[in-house]
Every structure is written in C-alpha cells, then in structure tokens.
Amino acid sequence: MAQNTIPTKLSELFSFADQIADGLGLLGVALGMVHNSEALVRADLLAAETAYDLYLQVRAAKLGLTAAQGAADANGRTYLATARNVIASFLGSEWTQVWEPTGFPNQSTALPSTIAERQTLLNSLKLYFTANPTQEVAALNVTAARANTLFNALSDARSAVNTGLVLIGQKMAVRQTTEPALRKRLSDTIAELAMKLSPLDPRWQNFGLNMPGDVSTPDVPDAPILTNAGPGRVFADWADAARALRYHAWKQVVGVDADFINVMTVTDSEAMLQDLPTGATVNVRITAVNDAGQSQPSEASQIVVG
C-alpha cells in the first residue's frame, strides 16, 4: 500500500503543500472539502514560508554583525597593545600597584583574554588618560578620546550582535509555530481526502499524492547530490521519490568494490555515508523501497572523498 508521507525537508515540504493547494483549487469544492480548503492551506503555507525567510534573513544579518564586532575588537586590541607600551614607559613594564588605576585586570599587564574585559579596559584607559593627559601620545593615537571612540564602537557592535541573537530567537520561535501548523494542516487535508476519495481514485495525483491503494513500486530516485562532510564522510541528498517509504544507499569505491554495496537504509531522502577511504573515488546511487518492492537504482553520482 502506498503512503503519503509529509516531507521532512522544508524545501520539499513547501513544494508538497503547494501541490496539495493546487489540487484543492481544482477539486476542493467538487469534493466538498470543508475543513481544509485551498485558502486555508495557502494561508498556512504562506505563514511558514514567510517565517522561514525572515529567519534566514536575520541569520544572514548576524554574520555581518559578528564581523563588525570582530573588527571593532581587533581595533581595540591594537590600541590596548600600543597604550600598554606607552604606559610602561611611565610605570614600568611589570605590573605593580601603580598600574592599578589603568584598569589592566588580574594584576597583569597582559592584554585581557575576553572581549568583555577588553571593552572594560578601553573605558578604564579613557578615564586614565583623562586623568593623566601628559601620558597621552597623539602621534600614536594613544589618547583618552581614541579609547572612548573604540570603547563606544565595541560596545555598539556587541549590543548589535546581542540584538541579532534575540531576533534569531524570535524568528525561530515563529518558525517553530508555523511549520508544525502547516504540517498539521497537510496531515488533516490528507485525512479528509481519504474520506472523499477511494484508495485507487486517480484524482489523488491531482494533489501530488500517491493513491493509497497503489501497490506499485516507487519511482526511480534522482541521482544524489554528494558533498564532502569531513574525513571519510560524504553527505548524499536527493529528492523524494513517489511512493517511497524508505531508501537504500549504495556505494562503490572505484578500484576496490567490484559492484555497488548497500551501506544503509534511511527513511528520509538523505544519508551520511561514513568510514569511506580518504582520497578514493566513490560512486553513490539510491534505490527507493515500499511494501511492493524496490525501484530501479538512480543514476550514480561520483565524488572524491575528502
């Protein structure tokens, strides 16, 4: 018996939902689909797609914010190192109590190891040079004003990163609401269709769905897309095959394996192949399986294992 499994991958989930919505637009009224209309499916789909897009946007923005924080911290490090050398010419290179007003932490003249301590030290040096202007060296840009500028830049950059993290959390929370809502809508729609259509009614296919009574073997999967995922590891990804309940992943190490070897069975349309010989050329193909049997194998994809 063929099943209609809701895809795990978001890209396939959205396409799956769109096909069901198309089917509802074509046949929903005629079938008397009361609880799960095209409009309701499309509303849940739009909410899930929008939430996912916004989540990706704030994640991408965080990369820029993190880079800006790194640049501000690097500028601060450079200043702190130069300022330390300038102060050492007045107070000596070893930490003693006379260094305490500078704000260098841990009774040491070493640069602080954390970004929070470096930010605090920038502010301390602003205060120190304000109180000791004769120790400023304008030619080296070691001044209270420069320390203040760098402190503000680092403070603002860190605040922006923290704000970005909050936004990511907020967008993730919305995703965690809209995606399950869409999945439930699709599950409910399939269940309602089962009350309207017989198991072998060909109109199931108008919704991009399998006929539940179909005992045909699955379609042949597409050739997998292969990506190196670390030493001896290859990630294989492929599109869902119609009527598939599970998949067999097959590998052939060129020059070692005379034929393809079944290395794993998975329920999702992806697999992580492990313990492959580094530097070897490997062919990978996929077969789809259901209770009626196994499909013909996909075309093989090839990769040199990293």
Protein backbone atom coordinates (compact mmCIF):
# COMPACT_ATOMS: atom_id res chain seq x y z
CA MET A 1 0.00 0.00 0.00
CA ALA A 2 1.33 3.41 -0.93
CA GLN A 3 1.61 6.02 1.79
CA ASN A 4 1.59 9.80 1.69
CA THR A 5 4.40 10.91 3.95
CA ILE A 6 4.83 14.60 4.65
CA PRO A 7 8.40 15.59 3.67
CA THR A 8 10.95 16.35 6.34
CA LYS A 9 12.96 18.88 4.32
CA LEU A 10 11.48 22.35 4.27
CA SER A 11 12.12 22.94 0.57
CA GLU A 12 10.21 19.76 -0.25
CA LEU A 13 7.54 20.49 2.37
CA PHE A 14 6.70 23.83 0.75
CA SER A 15 6.51 22.26 -2.71
CA PHE A 16 4.39 19.42 -1.33
CA ALA A 17 1.99 21.92 0.26
CA ASP A 18 1.76 23.92 -2.96
CA GLN A 19 0.78 20.82 -4.93
CA ILE A 20 -1.93 19.97 -2.41
CA ALA A 21 -3.21 23.56 -2.57
CA ASP A 22 -3.31 23.32 -6.39
CA GLY A 23 -5.35 20.14 -6.11
CA LEU A 24 -7.74 21.78 -3.68
CA GLY A 25 -8.14 24.69 -6.06
CA LEU A 26 -9.07 22.26 -8.81
CA LEU A 27 -11.19 19.73 -6.94
CA GLY A 28 -11.77 21.00 -3.40
CA VAL A 29 -15.26 22.39 -3.96
CA ALA A 30 -16.39 19.42 -6.04
CA LEU A 31 -15.19 17.02 -3.36
CA GLY A 32 -16.82 19.04 -0.58
CA MET A 33 -13.55 19.76 1.26
CA VAL A 34 -15.00 21.78 4.13
CA HIS A 35 -12.31 21.71 6.81
CA ASN A 36 -9.22 22.04 4.62
CA SER A 37 -9.71 24.38 1.68
CA GLU A 38 -7.16 25.79 -0.74
CA ALA A 39 -7.31 29.14 1.07
CA LEU A 40 -6.55 27.56 4.44
CA VAL A 41 -3.63 25.51 3.11
CA ARG A 42 -2.18 28.52 1.28
CA ALA A 43 -2.53 30.69 4.39
CA ASP A 44 -0.58 28.17 6.49
CA LEU A 45 1.95 27.74 3.68
CA LEU A 46 2.49 31.49 3.36
CA ALA A 47 2.93 31.83 7.12
CA ALA A 48 5.53 29.05 7.21
CA GLU A 49 7.41 30.34 4.15
CA THR A 50 7.42 33.90 5.49
CA ALA A 51 8.65 32.79 8.90
CA TYR A 52 11.44 30.74 7.32
CA ASP A 53 12.53 33.59 5.03
CA LEU A 54 12.63 36.05 7.92
CA TYR A 55 14.63 33.56 9.98
CA LEU A 56 17.16 33.20 7.16
CA GLN A 57 17.39 36.98 6.83
CA VAL A 58 18.23 37.56 10.50
CA ARG A 59 20.73 34.69 10.44
CA ALA A 60 22.45 36.25 7.42
CA ALA A 61 22.41 39.66 9.11
CA LYS A 62 24.06 38.18 12.19
CA LEU A 63 27.09 37.20 10.11
CA GLY A 64 27.64 40.86 9.25
CA LEU A 65 27.09 41.92 12.85
CA THR A 66 29.59 39.35 14.08
CA ALA A 67 32.14 40.52 11.51
CA ALA A 68 31.65 44.13 12.64
CA GLN A 69 32.15 43.07 16.26
CA GLY A 70 35.36 41.26 15.29
CA ALA A 71 36.67 44.35 13.51
CA ALA A 72 35.85 46.61 16.46
CA ASP A 73 37.54 44.18 18.83
CA ALA A 74 40.62 43.97 16.59
CA ASN A 75 40.91 47.78 16.58
CA GLY A 76 40.57 47.75 20.35
CA ARG A 77 43.29 45.10 20.72
CA THR A 78 45.68 47.16 18.62
CA TYR A 79 45.03 50.23 20.73
CA LEU A 80 45.40 48.33 24.00
CA ALA A 81 48.74 46.88 22.96
CA THR A 82 50.08 50.28 21.93
CA ALA A 83 48.69 52.01 25.03
CA ARG A 84 50.28 49.37 27.27
CA ASN A 85 53.70 50.11 25.77
CA VAL A 86 53.21 53.83 26.23
CA ILE A 87 52.14 53.43 29.86
CA ALA A 88 55.05 51.05 30.52
CA SER A 89 57.46 53.87 29.65
CA PHE A 90 56.00 55.76 32.63
CA LEU A 91 55.11 52.99 35.09
CA GLY A 92 57.50 50.19 34.17
CA SER A 93 56.81 47.03 32.19
CA GLU A 94 55.95 44.83 35.18
CA TRP A 95 52.60 45.17 36.94
CA THR A 96 52.77 46.87 40.34
CA GLN A 97 50.18 48.80 42.29
CA VAL A 98 50.95 51.91 40.27
CA TRP A 99 49.32 50.12 37.30
CA GLU A 100 46.05 49.69 39.19
CA PRO A 101 44.50 53.00 38.01
CA THR A 102 44.98 51.93 34.37
CA GLY A 103 42.39 49.19 34.77
CA PHE A 104 44.55 46.34 33.45
CA PRO A 105 42.92 43.30 35.11
CA ASN A 106 44.25 40.31 37.01
CA GLN A 107 47.29 42.18 38.34
CA SER A 108 48.96 41.79 34.96
CA THR A 109 49.95 43.97 32.02
CA ALA A 110 48.88 41.21 29.62
CA LEU A 111 46.04 42.02 27.25
CA PRO A 112 42.74 40.65 28.59
CA SER A 113 41.67 37.33 27.11
CA THR A 114 37.95 38.06 26.80
CA ILE A 115 36.14 40.62 24.70
CA ALA A 116 34.19 41.83 27.76
CA GLU A 117 37.41 42.53 29.66
CA ARG A 118 38.91 44.31 26.66
CA GLN A 119 35.84 46.52 26.38
CA THR A 120 36.05 47.36 30.08
CA LEU A 121 39.75 48.14 29.77
CA LEU A 122 39.12 50.56 26.90
CA ASN A 123 36.80 52.51 29.15
CA SER A 124 39.33 52.37 32.03
CA LEU A 125 42.07 53.75 29.77
CA LYS A 126 39.78 56.57 28.68
CA LEU A 127 39.45 57.53 32.32
CA TYR A 128 43.16 57.00 32.97
CA PHE A 129 44.36 59.21 30.13
CA THR A 130 41.74 61.82 31.00
CA ALA A 131 43.29 61.95 34.48
CA ASN A 132 46.87 61.71 33.12
CA PRO A 133 46.92 63.74 29.88
CA THR A 134 50.72 64.09 29.97
CA GLN A 135 50.99 60.37 29.21
CA GLU A 136 48.94 60.62 26.01
CA VAL A 137 50.88 60.23 22.76
CA ALA A 138 48.90 61.81 19.95
CA ALA A 139 51.36 60.63 17.32
CA LEU A 140 50.48 57.02 18.22
CA ASN A 141 46.80 57.87 18.67
CA VAL A 142 47.02 56.83 22.32
CA THR A 143 44.60 59.31 23.80
CA ALA A 144 41.54 59.33 26.00
CA ALA A 145 39.42 60.37 23.03
CA ARG A 146 40.62 57.40 20.98
CA ALA A 147 39.94 54.99 23.83
CA ASN A 148 36.44 56.41 24.15
CA THR A 149 35.80 56.05 20.40
CA LEU A 150 36.97 52.44 20.42
CA PHE A 151 35.00 51.64 23.56
CA ASN A 152 31.80 53.00 22.04
CA ALA A 153 32.40 51.16 18.75
CA LEU A 154 32.95 47.85 20.52
CA SER A 155 30.03 48.41 22.88
CA ASP A 156 27.71 49.21 19.96
CA ALA A 157 28.95 46.21 17.96
CA ARG A 158 28.43 43.81 20.86
CA SER A 159 24.98 45.25 21.51
CA ALA A 160 24.08 44.78 17.84
CA VAL A 161 25.20 41.14 17.97
CA ASN A 162 23.11 40.57 21.09
CA THR A 163 20.12 42.19 19.41
CA GLY A 164 20.70 39.95 16.39
CA LEU A 165 20.68 36.88 18.63
CA VAL A 166 17.40 37.98 20.17
CA LEU A 167 15.91 38.43 16.69
CA ILE A 168 17.09 34.97 15.65
CA GLY A 169 15.43 33.53 18.73
CA GLN A 170 12.21 35.40 17.98
CA LYS A 171 12.13 34.31 14.33
CA MET A 172 12.96 30.74 15.33
CA ALA A 173 10.04 30.79 17.76
CA VAL A 174 7.70 31.84 14.96
CA ARG A 175 9.11 29.10 12.74
CA GLN A 176 8.50 26.58 15.50
CA THR A 177 4.85 27.61 15.45
CA THR A 178 4.13 28.00 11.74
CA GLU A 179 5.94 24.92 10.45
CA PRO A 180 4.10 22.44 12.72
CA ALA A 181 0.85 24.24 11.89
CA LEU A 182 1.49 23.67 8.19
CA ARG A 183 2.38 20.02 8.77
CA LYS A 184 -0.82 19.51 10.75
CA ARG A 185 -2.85 21.21 8.04
CA LEU A 186 -1.38 18.89 5.41
CA SER A 187 -1.94 15.82 7.57
CA ASP A 188 -5.55 16.86 8.19
CA THR A 189 -6.05 17.52 4.48
CA ILE A 190 -4.78 14.06 3.53
CA ALA A 191 -7.05 12.54 6.16
CA GLU A 192 -10.07 14.46 4.83
CA LEU A 193 -9.22 13.44 1.27
CA ALA A 194 -9.21 9.82 2.40
CA MET A 195 -12.88 10.27 3.33
CA LYS A 196 -13.67 11.69 -0.12
CA LEU A 197 -11.58 9.51 -2.44
CA SER A 198 -11.28 5.76 -2.76
CA PRO A 199 -7.79 4.29 -2.33
CA LEU A 200 -7.36 3.83 -6.10
CA ASP A 201 -9.03 7.06 -7.25
CA PRO A 202 -6.61 8.64 -9.73
CA ARG A 203 -7.59 12.10 -8.50
CA TRP A 204 -5.14 11.62 -5.61
CA GLN A 205 -2.50 12.51 -8.15
CA ASN A 206 -4.07 15.93 -8.73
CA PHE A 207 -2.87 16.73 -5.22
CA GLY A 208 0.64 15.41 -5.87
CA LEU A 209 -0.21 12.43 -3.66
CA ASN A 210 0.06 8.68 -4.02
CA MET A 211 -3.05 6.57 -4.40
CA PRO A 212 -3.19 4.77 -1.02
CA GLY A 213 -4.30 1.53 -2.67
CA ASP A 214 -1.50 1.57 -5.25
CA VAL A 215 0.84 -1.38 -4.80
CA SER A 216 3.29 -0.22 -7.46
CA THR A 217 6.95 0.02 -6.60
CA PRO A 218 8.34 3.53 -6.06
CA ASP A 219 9.58 5.82 -8.81
CA VAL A 220 13.28 5.77 -9.53
CA PRO A 221 15.01 8.42 -7.38
CA ASP A 222 17.03 11.23 -8.91
CA ALA A 223 20.81 10.91 -8.81
CA PRO A 224 22.03 12.01 -5.37
CA ILE A 225 23.90 15.26 -4.81
CA LEU A 226 27.14 14.45 -2.98
CA THR A 227 29.07 16.72 -0.62
CA ASN A 228 32.19 16.01 1.41
CA ALA A 229 31.34 16.29 5.11
CA GLY A 230 34.70 15.67 6.77
CA PRO A 231 37.38 12.99 6.60
CA GLY A 232 35.86 9.79 5.26
CA ARG A 233 32.33 11.21 5.26
CA VAL A 234 30.06 12.04 2.31
CA PHE A 235 26.58 13.56 2.60
CA ALA A 236 24.10 12.37 -0.05
CA ASP A 237 20.90 14.29 -0.73
CA TRP A 238 18.14 13.58 -3.26
CA ALA A 239 14.51 14.47 -3.94
CA ASP A 240 11.68 12.36 -2.54
CA ALA A 241 10.57 9.57 -4.88
CA ALA A 242 6.87 8.92 -5.35
CA ARG A 243 5.51 6.01 -3.27
CA ALA A 244 8.83 5.55 -1.42
CA LEU A 245 8.67 4.54 2.24
CA ARG A 246 12.42 4.24 2.65
CA TYR A 247 15.63 4.28 0.63
CA HIS A 248 18.73 2.15 0.23
CA ALA A 249 22.03 3.99 -0.26
CA TRP A 250 24.61 2.09 -2.30
CA LYS A 251 28.31 2.85 -2.63
CA GLN A 252 31.10 1.61 -4.86
CA VAL A 253 34.71 2.53 -4.16
CA VAL A 254 36.35 2.70 -7.57
CA GLY A 255 39.16 0.18 -7.88
CA VAL A 256 38.07 -1.61 -4.70
CA ASP A 257 34.43 -2.70 -4.97
CA ALA A 258 33.50 -4.84 -7.96
CA ASP A 259 29.88 -3.79 -7.66
CA PHE A 260 27.67 -1.48 -5.59
CA ILE A 261 27.24 -2.35 -1.92
CA ASN A 262 24.13 -1.46 0.11
CA VAL A 263 25.54 0.54 3.03
CA MET A 264 22.44 1.90 4.76
CA THR A 265 18.65 2.23 4.79
CA VAL A 266 17.05 5.58 5.62
CA THR A 267 13.52 6.92 5.78
CA ASP A 268 14.40 10.49 4.72
CA SER A 269 15.81 11.42 1.33
CA GLU A 270 19.32 11.99 2.64
CA ALA A 271 22.11 9.91 4.09
CA MET A 272 25.53 10.37 5.69
CA LEU A 273 27.98 7.80 4.35
CA GLN A 274 30.86 7.21 6.76
CA ASP A 275 34.16 5.36 7.03
CA LEU A 276 34.98 5.92 3.35
CA PRO A 277 38.65 5.86 2.31
CA THR A 278 40.00 9.40 2.12
CA GLY A 279 41.16 10.32 -1.37
CA ALA A 280 39.22 7.49 -3.01
CA THR A 281 36.76 7.99 -5.85
CA VAL A 282 33.33 6.75 -4.78
CA ASN A 283 30.14 6.20 -6.77
CA VAL A 284 26.81 6.50 -4.93
CA ARG A 285 23.35 5.55 -6.10
CA ILE A 286 19.95 5.27 -4.43
CA THR A 287 17.00 2.88 -4.64
CA ALA A 288 13.52 3.61 -3.31
CA VAL A 289 11.56 0.95 -1.42
CA ASN A 290 7.97 0.32 -0.35
CA ASP A 291 5.90 -2.74 0.53
CA ALA A 292 5.56 -3.61 -3.17
CA GLY A 293 9.30 -3.79 -3.67
CA GLN A 294 12.31 -1.78 -4.72
CA SER A 295 12.74 0.67 -7.59
CA GLN A 296 15.44 0.53 -10.18
CA PRO A 297 18.58 2.34 -8.96
CA SER A 298 19.13 6.02 -9.60
CA GLU A 299 21.93 7.17 -11.82
CA ALA A 300 25.20 7.07 -9.91
CA SER A 301 26.93 10.23 -8.70
CA GLN A 302 30.68 10.35 -8.13
CA ILE A 303 32.89 12.16 -5.64
CA VAL A 304 36.48 12.12 -4.45
CA VAL A 305 36.30 11.60 -0.69
CA GLY A 306 37.87 14.41 1.31
